[in-house]
Every structure is written in structure tokens, then in C-alpha cells.
Protein backbone atom coordinates (compact mmCIF):
# COMPACT_ATOMS: atom_id res chain seq x y z
CA MET A 1 -25.03 60.36 -27.06
CA LYS A 2 -21.37 60.27 -28.06
CA TYR A 3 -18.79 62.74 -26.81
CA THR A 4 -15.28 63.64 -27.84
CA LEU A 5 -12.67 62.92 -25.20
CA ARG A 6 -12.53 66.62 -24.32
CA GLU A 7 -16.31 66.93 -24.10
CA ALA A 8 -16.51 63.87 -21.84
CA ARG A 9 -13.81 65.25 -19.54
CA MET A 10 -15.47 68.65 -19.35
CA LEU A 11 -18.89 67.11 -18.78
CA ARG A 12 -17.50 65.42 -15.67
CA ASP A 13 -15.77 68.65 -14.58
CA LYS A 14 -12.26 67.16 -14.64
CA THR A 15 -9.07 69.01 -15.51
CA ILE A 16 -6.33 67.78 -17.81
CA THR A 17 -4.04 67.66 -14.80
CA GLU A 18 -6.42 65.51 -12.77
CA ILE A 19 -6.97 62.93 -15.48
CA SER A 20 -3.35 62.79 -16.63
CA GLU A 21 -2.18 62.24 -13.04
CA PHE A 22 -4.78 59.49 -12.57
CA LEU A 23 -3.53 57.79 -15.75
CA GLY A 24 0.14 58.29 -14.90
CA VAL A 25 0.91 60.17 -18.12
CA THR A 26 2.14 63.68 -18.80
CA ARG A 27 -0.28 66.48 -19.53
CA ALA A 28 1.24 66.69 -23.02
CA THR A 29 0.45 63.03 -23.72
CA TYR A 30 -3.13 63.41 -22.58
CA MET A 31 -3.53 66.61 -24.60
CA LYS A 32 -2.32 64.75 -27.71
CA TRP A 33 -5.08 62.21 -27.15
CA GLU A 34 -7.67 64.96 -26.83
CA ASN A 35 -6.39 66.64 -29.98
CA ASP A 36 -6.49 63.34 -31.90
CA SER A 37 -2.79 63.24 -32.63
CA GLY A 38 -1.99 60.19 -30.53
CA LEU A 39 -3.22 56.64 -30.42
CA ILE A 40 -4.84 55.40 -27.23
CA ARG A 41 -4.58 51.75 -26.27
CA VAL A 42 -7.84 50.03 -25.44
CA SER A 43 -6.74 49.47 -21.84
CA VAL A 44 -6.13 53.20 -21.40
CA ALA A 45 -9.43 54.10 -23.09
CA LYS A 46 -11.20 51.79 -20.62
CA LYS A 47 -9.44 53.50 -17.68
CA ILE A 48 -10.51 56.90 -18.97
CA ALA A 49 -14.11 55.78 -19.39
CA ASP A 50 -14.14 54.28 -15.89
CA TYR A 51 -12.59 57.42 -14.39
CA LEU A 52 -15.21 59.58 -16.10
CA ASP A 53 -17.93 57.11 -15.09
CA MET A 54 -19.07 56.74 -18.70
CA ASP A 55 -19.60 53.82 -21.04
CA ILE A 56 -16.60 53.46 -23.33
CA LYS A 57 -19.02 53.30 -26.28
CA ASN A 58 -20.09 56.88 -25.58
CA ILE A 59 -16.65 58.43 -26.02
CA PHE A 60 -14.87 59.02 -29.33
CA PHE A 61 -11.21 58.06 -28.88
């Protein structure tokens, strides 16, 4: 099953603050990614997938 970035984060019970701090980005930057108004580099997408313990193929970025 595929999840949006927001759905994947919520499924793993993570907050925007937790994941943005892990990634070293501002909350605003992460929120742009969730709202599809920012481009995510592959390396960052991989970090997000690893942090959420999900296969990168199962998340829409």
C-alpha cells in the first residue's frame, strides 16, 4: 500500500517537529514537503523512509 508523506508520518505516530529535527530542517520546510509544494531530494526521501521504517517505494513524495 502507498501512503502520502503525511499519512506515513501519522501511521508511525511521529510529529512534524520530531521528523523535521531528525532531518535538520525547519518545520516549515517539512510542511512544504507534506503539502507537495517543495521538491525532496532522493537522499532526503531515503532518510525519511528509514526514519519511518518504511520502504521508500511505499511513500508518495
